[in-house]
Amino acid sequence: SRTPTIDWTRCDGHGLCAQLLPGTT
């Protein structure tokens, strides 16, 4: 299986992932 990880140098805090990934805050 594969899991999502975040590249913090690219993340701008849009928050879309929190809407798409269950359990993400």
PDB file of all heavy atoms in Angstrom:
ATOM      1  N   SER A   1       0.829  -1.205   0.000  1.00  0.00           N
ATOM      2  CA  SER A   1       0.000   0.000   0.000  1.00  0.00           C
ATOM      3  C   SER A   1       0.867   1.261   0.000  1.00  0.00           C
ATOM      4  O   SER A   1       2.044   1.232   0.319  1.00  0.00           O
ATOM      5  CB  SER A   1      -0.925  -0.006   1.216  1.00  0.00           C
ATOM      6  OG  SER A   1      -0.162   0.092   2.394  1.00  0.00           O
ATOM      7  N   ARG A   2       0.236   2.337  -0.383  1.00  0.00           N
ATOM      8  CA  ARG A   2       0.935   3.626  -0.437  1.00  0.00           C
ATOM      9  C   ARG A   2       0.162   4.626   0.399  1.00  0.00           C
ATOM     10  O   ARG A   2      -1.056   4.585   0.464  1.00  0.00           O
ATOM     11  CB  ARG A   2       1.068   4.073  -1.879  1.00  0.00           C
ATOM     12  CG  ARG A   2       1.960   3.102  -2.641  1.00  0.00           C
ATOM     13  CD  ARG A   2       2.005   3.240  -4.120  1.00  0.00           C
ATOM     14  NE  ARG A   2       1.776   4.536  -4.670  1.00  0.00           N
ATOM     15  CZ  ARG A   2       2.424   5.024  -5.712  1.00  0.00           C
ATOM     16  NH1 ARG A   2       3.353   4.320  -6.286  1.00  0.00           N
ATOM     17  NH2 ARG A   2       2.130   6.195  -6.195  1.00  0.00           N
ATOM     18  N   THR A   3       0.882   5.517   1.058  1.00  0.00           N
ATOM     19  CA  THR A   3       0.269   6.496   1.935  1.00  0.00           C
ATOM     20  C   THR A   3       0.650   7.908   1.486  1.00  0.00           C
ATOM     21  O   THR A   3       1.710   8.120   0.896  1.00  0.00           O
ATOM     22  CB  THR A   3       0.721   6.304   3.395  1.00  0.00           C
ATOM     23  OG1 THR A   3       2.147   6.433   3.457  1.00  0.00           O
ATOM     24  CG2 THR A   3       0.324   4.944   3.916  1.00  0.00           C
ATOM     25  N   PRO A   4      -0.204   8.891   1.777  1.00  0.00           N
ATOM     26  CA  PRO A   4       0.118  10.267   1.394  1.00  0.00           C
ATOM     27  C   PRO A   4       1.156  10.868   2.333  1.00  0.00           C
ATOM     28  O   PRO A   4       1.173  10.589   3.535  1.00  0.00           O
ATOM     29  CB  PRO A   4      -1.229  10.992   1.532  1.00  0.00           C
ATOM     30  CG  PRO A   4      -1.987  10.198   2.532  1.00  0.00           C
ATOM     31  CD  PRO A   4      -1.526   8.783   2.367  1.00  0.00           C
ATOM     32  N   THR A   5       2.041  11.665   1.777  1.00  0.00           N
ATOM     33  CA  THR A   5       2.997  12.443   2.562  1.00  0.00           C
ATOM     34  C   THR A   5       2.965  13.870   2.032  1.00  0.00           C
ATOM     35  O   THR A   5       2.509  14.121   0.915  1.00  0.00           O
ATOM     36  CB  THR A   5       4.435  11.895   2.459  1.00  0.00           C
ATOM     37  OG1 THR A   5       4.839  11.910   1.097  1.00  0.00           O
ATOM     38  CG2 THR A   5       4.542  10.492   3.020  1.00  0.00           C
ATOM     39  N   ILE A   6       3.442  14.792   2.832  1.00  0.00           N
ATOM     40  CA  ILE A   6       3.404  16.211   2.474  1.00  0.00           C
ATOM     41  C   ILE A   6       4.811  16.732   2.260  1.00  0.00           C
ATOM     42  O   ILE A   6       5.698  16.516   3.082  1.00  0.00           O
ATOM     43  CB  ILE A   6       2.720  17.031   3.588  1.00  0.00           C
ATOM     44  CG1 ILE A   6       1.314  16.513   3.831  1.00  0.00           C
ATOM     45  CG2 ILE A   6       2.709  18.511   3.237  1.00  0.00           C
ATOM     46  CD1 ILE A   6       0.672  17.041   5.094  1.00  0.00           C
ATOM     47  N   ASP A   7       5.009  17.429   1.146  1.00  0.00           N
ATOM     48  CA  ASP A   7       6.256  18.146   0.894  1.00  0.00           C
ATOM     49  C   ASP A   7       6.042  19.552   1.477  1.00  0.00           C
ATOM     50  O   ASP A   7       5.386  20.399   0.877  1.00  0.00           O
ATOM     51  CB  ASP A   7       6.531  18.220  -0.607  1.00  0.00           C
ATOM     52  CG  ASP A   7       7.815  18.960  -0.937  1.00  0.00           C
ATOM     53  OD1 ASP A   7       8.361  19.661  -0.060  1.00  0.00           O
ATOM     54  OD2 ASP A   7       8.271  18.849  -2.087  1.00  0.00           O
ATOM     55  N   TRP A   8       6.566  19.783   2.675  1.00  0.00           N
ATOM     56  CA  TRP A   8       6.316  21.036   3.392  1.00  0.00           C
ATOM     57  C   TRP A   8       6.893  22.251   2.686  1.00  0.00           C
ATOM     58  O   TRP A   8       6.425  23.374   2.909  1.00  0.00           O
ATOM     59  CB  TRP A   8       6.834  20.941   4.820  1.00  0.00           C
ATOM     60  CG  TRP A   8       6.076  19.924   5.601  1.00  0.00           C
ATOM     61  CD1 TRP A   8       6.524  18.693   6.005  1.00  0.00           C
ATOM     62  CD2 TRP A   8       4.717  20.006   6.021  1.00  0.00           C
ATOM     63  NE1 TRP A   8       5.516  18.022   6.661  1.00  0.00           N
ATOM     64  CE2 TRP A   8       4.407  18.809   6.688  1.00  0.00           C
ATOM     65  CE3 TRP A   8       3.726  20.979   5.902  1.00  0.00           C
ATOM     66  CZ2 TRP A   8       3.152  18.565   7.235  1.00  0.00           C
ATOM     67  CZ3 TRP A   8       2.480  20.726   6.458  1.00  0.00           C
ATOM     68  CH2 TRP A   8       2.201  19.541   7.107  1.00  0.00           C
ATOM     69  N   THR A   9       7.868  22.070   1.823  1.00  0.00           N
ATOM     70  CA  THR A   9       8.422  23.221   1.095  1.00  0.00           C
ATOM     71  C   THR A   9       7.470  23.701   0.016  1.00  0.00           C
ATOM     72  O   THR A   9       7.562  24.837  -0.432  1.00  0.00           O
ATOM     73  CB  THR A   9       9.781  22.874   0.461  1.00  0.00           C
ATOM     74  OG1 THR A   9       9.621  21.810  -0.476  1.00  0.00           O
ATOM     75  CG2 THR A   9      10.796  22.491   1.526  1.00  0.00           C
ATOM     76  N   ARG A  10       6.528  22.855  -0.388  1.00  0.00           N
ATOM     77  CA  ARG A  10       5.556  23.227  -1.425  1.00  0.00           C
ATOM     78  C   ARG A  10       4.195  23.624  -0.865  1.00  0.00           C
ATOM     79  O   ARG A  10       3.451  24.353  -1.498  1.00  0.00           O
ATOM     80  CB  ARG A  10       5.356  22.069  -2.398  1.00  0.00           C
ATOM     81  CG  ARG A  10       6.546  21.806  -3.278  1.00  0.00           C
ATOM     82  CD  ARG A  10       6.210  20.652  -4.212  1.00  0.00           C
ATOM     83  NE  ARG A  10       7.209  20.508  -5.225  1.00  0.00           N
ATOM     84  CZ  ARG A  10       7.089  20.972  -6.460  1.00  0.00           C
ATOM     85  NH1 ARG A  10       6.005  21.605  -6.823  1.00  0.00           N
ATOM     86  NH2 ARG A  10       8.039  20.797  -7.333  1.00  0.00           N
ATOM     87  N   CYS A  11       3.835  23.108   0.310  1.00  0.00           N
ATOM     88  CA  CYS A  11       2.492  23.305   0.855  1.00  0.00           C
ATOM     89  C   CYS A  11       2.241  24.789   1.145  1.00  0.00           C
ATOM     90  O   CYS A  11       3.030  25.460   1.819  1.00  0.00           O
ATOM     91  CB  CYS A  11       2.315  22.488   2.132  1.00  0.00           C
ATOM     92  SG  CYS A  11       0.646  22.601   2.799  1.00  0.00           S
ATOM     93  N   ASP A  12       1.115  25.290   0.622  1.00  0.00           N
ATOM     94  CA  ASP A  12       0.715  26.677   0.840  1.00  0.00           C
ATOM     95  C   ASP A  12      -0.470  26.797   1.781  1.00  0.00           C
ATOM     96  O   ASP A  12      -0.985  27.899   1.984  1.00  0.00           O
ATOM     97  CB  ASP A  12       0.349  27.338  -0.497  1.00  0.00           C
ATOM     98  CG  ASP A  12       1.553  27.569  -1.387  1.00  0.00           C
ATOM     99  OD1 ASP A  12       2.663  27.777  -0.854  1.00  0.00           O
ATOM    100  OD2 ASP A  12       1.378  27.545  -2.628  1.00  0.00           O
ATOM    101  N   GLY A  13      -0.929  25.698   2.337  1.00  0.00           N
ATOM    102  CA  GLY A  13      -2.034  25.732   3.291  1.00  0.00           C
ATOM    103  C   GLY A  13      -3.384  26.034   2.668  1.00  0.00           C
ATOM    104  O   GLY A  13      -4.217  26.677   3.289  1.00  0.00           O
ATOM    105  N   HIS A  14      -3.631  25.548   1.456  1.00  0.00           N
ATOM    106  CA  HIS A  14      -4.930  25.747   0.808  1.00  0.00           C
ATOM    107  C   HIS A  14      -6.049  25.003   1.537  1.00  0.00           C
ATOM    108  O   HIS A  14      -7.185  25.437   1.522  1.00  0.00           O
ATOM    109  CB  HIS A  14      -4.896  25.280  -0.655  1.00  0.00           C
ATOM    110  CG  HIS A  14      -4.023  26.113  -1.522  1.00  0.00           C
ATOM    111  ND1 HIS A  14      -4.410  27.338  -2.010  1.00  0.00           N
ATOM    112  CD2 HIS A  14      -2.773  25.902  -1.990  1.00  0.00           C
ATOM    113  CE1 HIS A  14      -3.434  27.850  -2.744  1.00  0.00           C
ATOM    114  NE2 HIS A  14      -2.427  26.991  -2.745  1.00  0.00           N
ATOM    115  N   GLY A  15      -5.737  23.847   2.115  1.00  0.00           N
ATOM    116  CA  GLY A  15      -6.711  23.082   2.878  1.00  0.00           C
ATOM    117  C   GLY A  15      -7.559  22.117   2.079  1.00  0.00           C
ATOM    118  O   GLY A  15      -8.431  21.459   2.639  1.00  0.00           O
ATOM    119  N   LEU A  16      -7.340  22.024   0.790  1.00  0.00           N
ATOM    120  CA  LEU A  16      -8.136  21.118  -0.042  1.00  0.00           C
ATOM    121  C   LEU A  16      -7.959  19.658   0.387  1.00  0.00           C
ATOM    122  O   LEU A  16      -8.910  18.883   0.377  1.00  0.00           O
ATOM    123  CB  LEU A  16      -7.766  21.291  -1.512  1.00  0.00           C
ATOM    124  CG  LEU A  16      -8.545  20.469  -2.529  1.00  0.00           C
ATOM    125  CD1 LEU A  16     -10.032  20.810  -2.455  1.00  0.00           C
ATOM    126  CD2 LEU A  16      -8.019  20.729  -3.931  1.00  0.00           C
ATOM    127  N   CYS A  17      -6.774  19.299   0.804  1.00  0.00           N
ATOM    128  CA  CYS A  17      -6.524  17.913   1.210  1.00  0.00           C
ATOM    129  C   CYS A  17      -7.372  17.526   2.413  1.00  0.00           C
ATOM    130  O   CYS A  17      -7.792  16.378   2.533  1.00  0.00           O
ATOM    131  CB  CYS A  17      -5.047  17.682   1.487  1.00  0.00           C
ATOM    132  SG  CYS A  17      -4.351  18.821   2.681  1.00  0.00           S
ATOM    133  N   ALA A  18      -7.658  18.468   3.287  1.00  0.00           N
ATOM    134  CA  ALA A  18      -8.492  18.164   4.451  1.00  0.00           C
ATOM    135  C   ALA A  18      -9.918  17.835   4.032  1.00  0.00           C
ATOM    136  O   ALA A  18     -10.617  17.103   4.722  1.00  0.00           O
ATOM    137  CB  ALA A  18      -8.486  19.328   5.430  1.00  0.00           C
ATOM    138  N   GLN A  19     -10.347  18.361   2.911  1.00  0.00           N
ATOM    139  CA  GLN A  19     -11.673  18.049   2.397  1.00  0.00           C
ATOM    140  C   GLN A  19     -11.688  16.698   1.683  1.00  0.00           C
ATOM    141  O   GLN A  19     -12.700  16.012   1.667  1.00  0.00           O
ATOM    142  CB  GLN A  19     -12.142  19.133   1.438  1.00  0.00           C
ATOM    143  CG  GLN A  19     -12.329  20.474   2.101  1.00  0.00           C
ATOM    144  CD  GLN A  19     -12.654  21.559   1.078  1.00  0.00           C
ATOM    145  OE1 GLN A  19     -13.089  21.276  -0.024  1.00  0.00           O
ATOM    146  NE2 GLN A  19     -12.442  22.800   1.462  1.00  0.00           N
ATOM    147  N   LEU A  20     -10.559  16.321   1.097  1.00  0.00           N
ATOM    148  CA  LEU A  20     -10.490  15.106   0.288  1.00  0.00           C
ATOM    149  C   LEU A  20     -10.023  13.871   1.050  1.00  0.00           C
ATOM    150  O   LEU A  20     -10.339  12.752   0.652  1.00  0.00           O
ATOM    151  CB  LEU A  20      -9.570  15.333  -0.907  1.00  0.00           C
ATOM    152  CG  LEU A  20     -10.028  16.390  -1.909  1.00  0.00           C
ATOM    153  CD1 LEU A  20      -8.948  16.641  -2.948  1.00  0.00           C
ATOM    154  CD2 LEU A  20     -11.321  15.966  -2.569  1.00  0.00           C
ATOM    155  N   LEU A  21      -9.254  14.065   2.115  1.00  0.00           N
ATOM    156  CA  LEU A  21      -8.723  12.928   2.865  1.00  0.00           C
ATOM    157  C   LEU A  21      -9.460  12.777   4.185  1.00  0.00           C
ATOM    158  O   LEU A  21      -9.327  13.622   5.074  1.00  0.00           O
ATOM    159  CB  LEU A  21      -7.219  13.124   3.142  1.00  0.00           C
ATOM    160  CG  LEU A  21      -6.310  13.097   1.934  1.00  0.00           C
ATOM    161  CD1 LEU A  21      -4.897  13.494   2.328  1.00  0.00           C
ATOM    162  CD2 LEU A  21      -6.318  11.721   1.301  1.00  0.00           C
ATOM    163  N   PRO A  22     -10.243  11.730   4.337  1.00  0.00           N
ATOM    164  CA  PRO A  22     -10.968  11.517   5.586  1.00  0.00           C
ATOM    165  C   PRO A  22     -10.011  11.467   6.778  1.00  0.00           C
ATOM    166  O   PRO A  22      -8.959  10.854   6.705  1.00  0.00           O
ATOM    167  CB  PRO A  22     -11.648  10.162   5.388  1.00  0.00           C
ATOM    168  CG  PRO A  22     -11.671   9.950   3.914  1.00  0.00           C
ATOM    169  CD  PRO A  22     -10.485  10.667   3.366  1.00  0.00           C
ATOM    170  N   GLY A  23     -10.382  12.151   7.838  1.00  0.00           N
ATOM    171  CA  GLY A  23      -9.563  12.151   9.046  1.00  0.00           C
ATOM    172  C   GLY A  23      -8.501  13.221   9.076  1.00  0.00           C
ATOM    173  O   GLY A  23      -7.844  13.411  10.095  1.00  0.00           O
ATOM    174  N   THR A  24      -8.304  13.937   7.972  1.00  0.00           N
ATOM    175  CA  THR A  24      -7.300  14.997   7.934  1.00  0.00           C
ATOM    176  C   THR A  24      -7.895  16.268   8.522  1.00  0.00           C
ATOM    177  O   THR A  24      -9.015  16.644   8.223  1.00  0.00           O
ATOM    178  CB  THR A  24      -6.839  15.265   6.492  1.00  0.00           C
ATOM    179  OG1 THR A  24      -6.279  14.054   5.967  1.00  0.00           O
ATOM    180  CG2 THR A  24      -5.783  16.350   6.420  1.00  0.00           C
ATOM    181  N   THR A  25      -7.125  16.915   9.372  1.00  0.00           N
ATOM    182  CA  THR A  25      -7.551  18.182   9.958  1.00  0.00           C
ATOM    183  C   THR A  25      -6.563  19.266   9.555  1.00  0.00           C
ATOM    184  O   THR A  25      -5.519  18.975   8.958  1.00  0.00           O
ATOM    185  CB  THR A  25      -7.611  18.093  11.499  1.00  0.00           C
ATOM    186  OG1 THR A  25      -6.321  17.718  11.982  1.00  0.00           O
ATOM    187  CG2 THR A  25      -8.649  17.084  11.942  1.00  0.00           C
TER     188      THR A  25
END
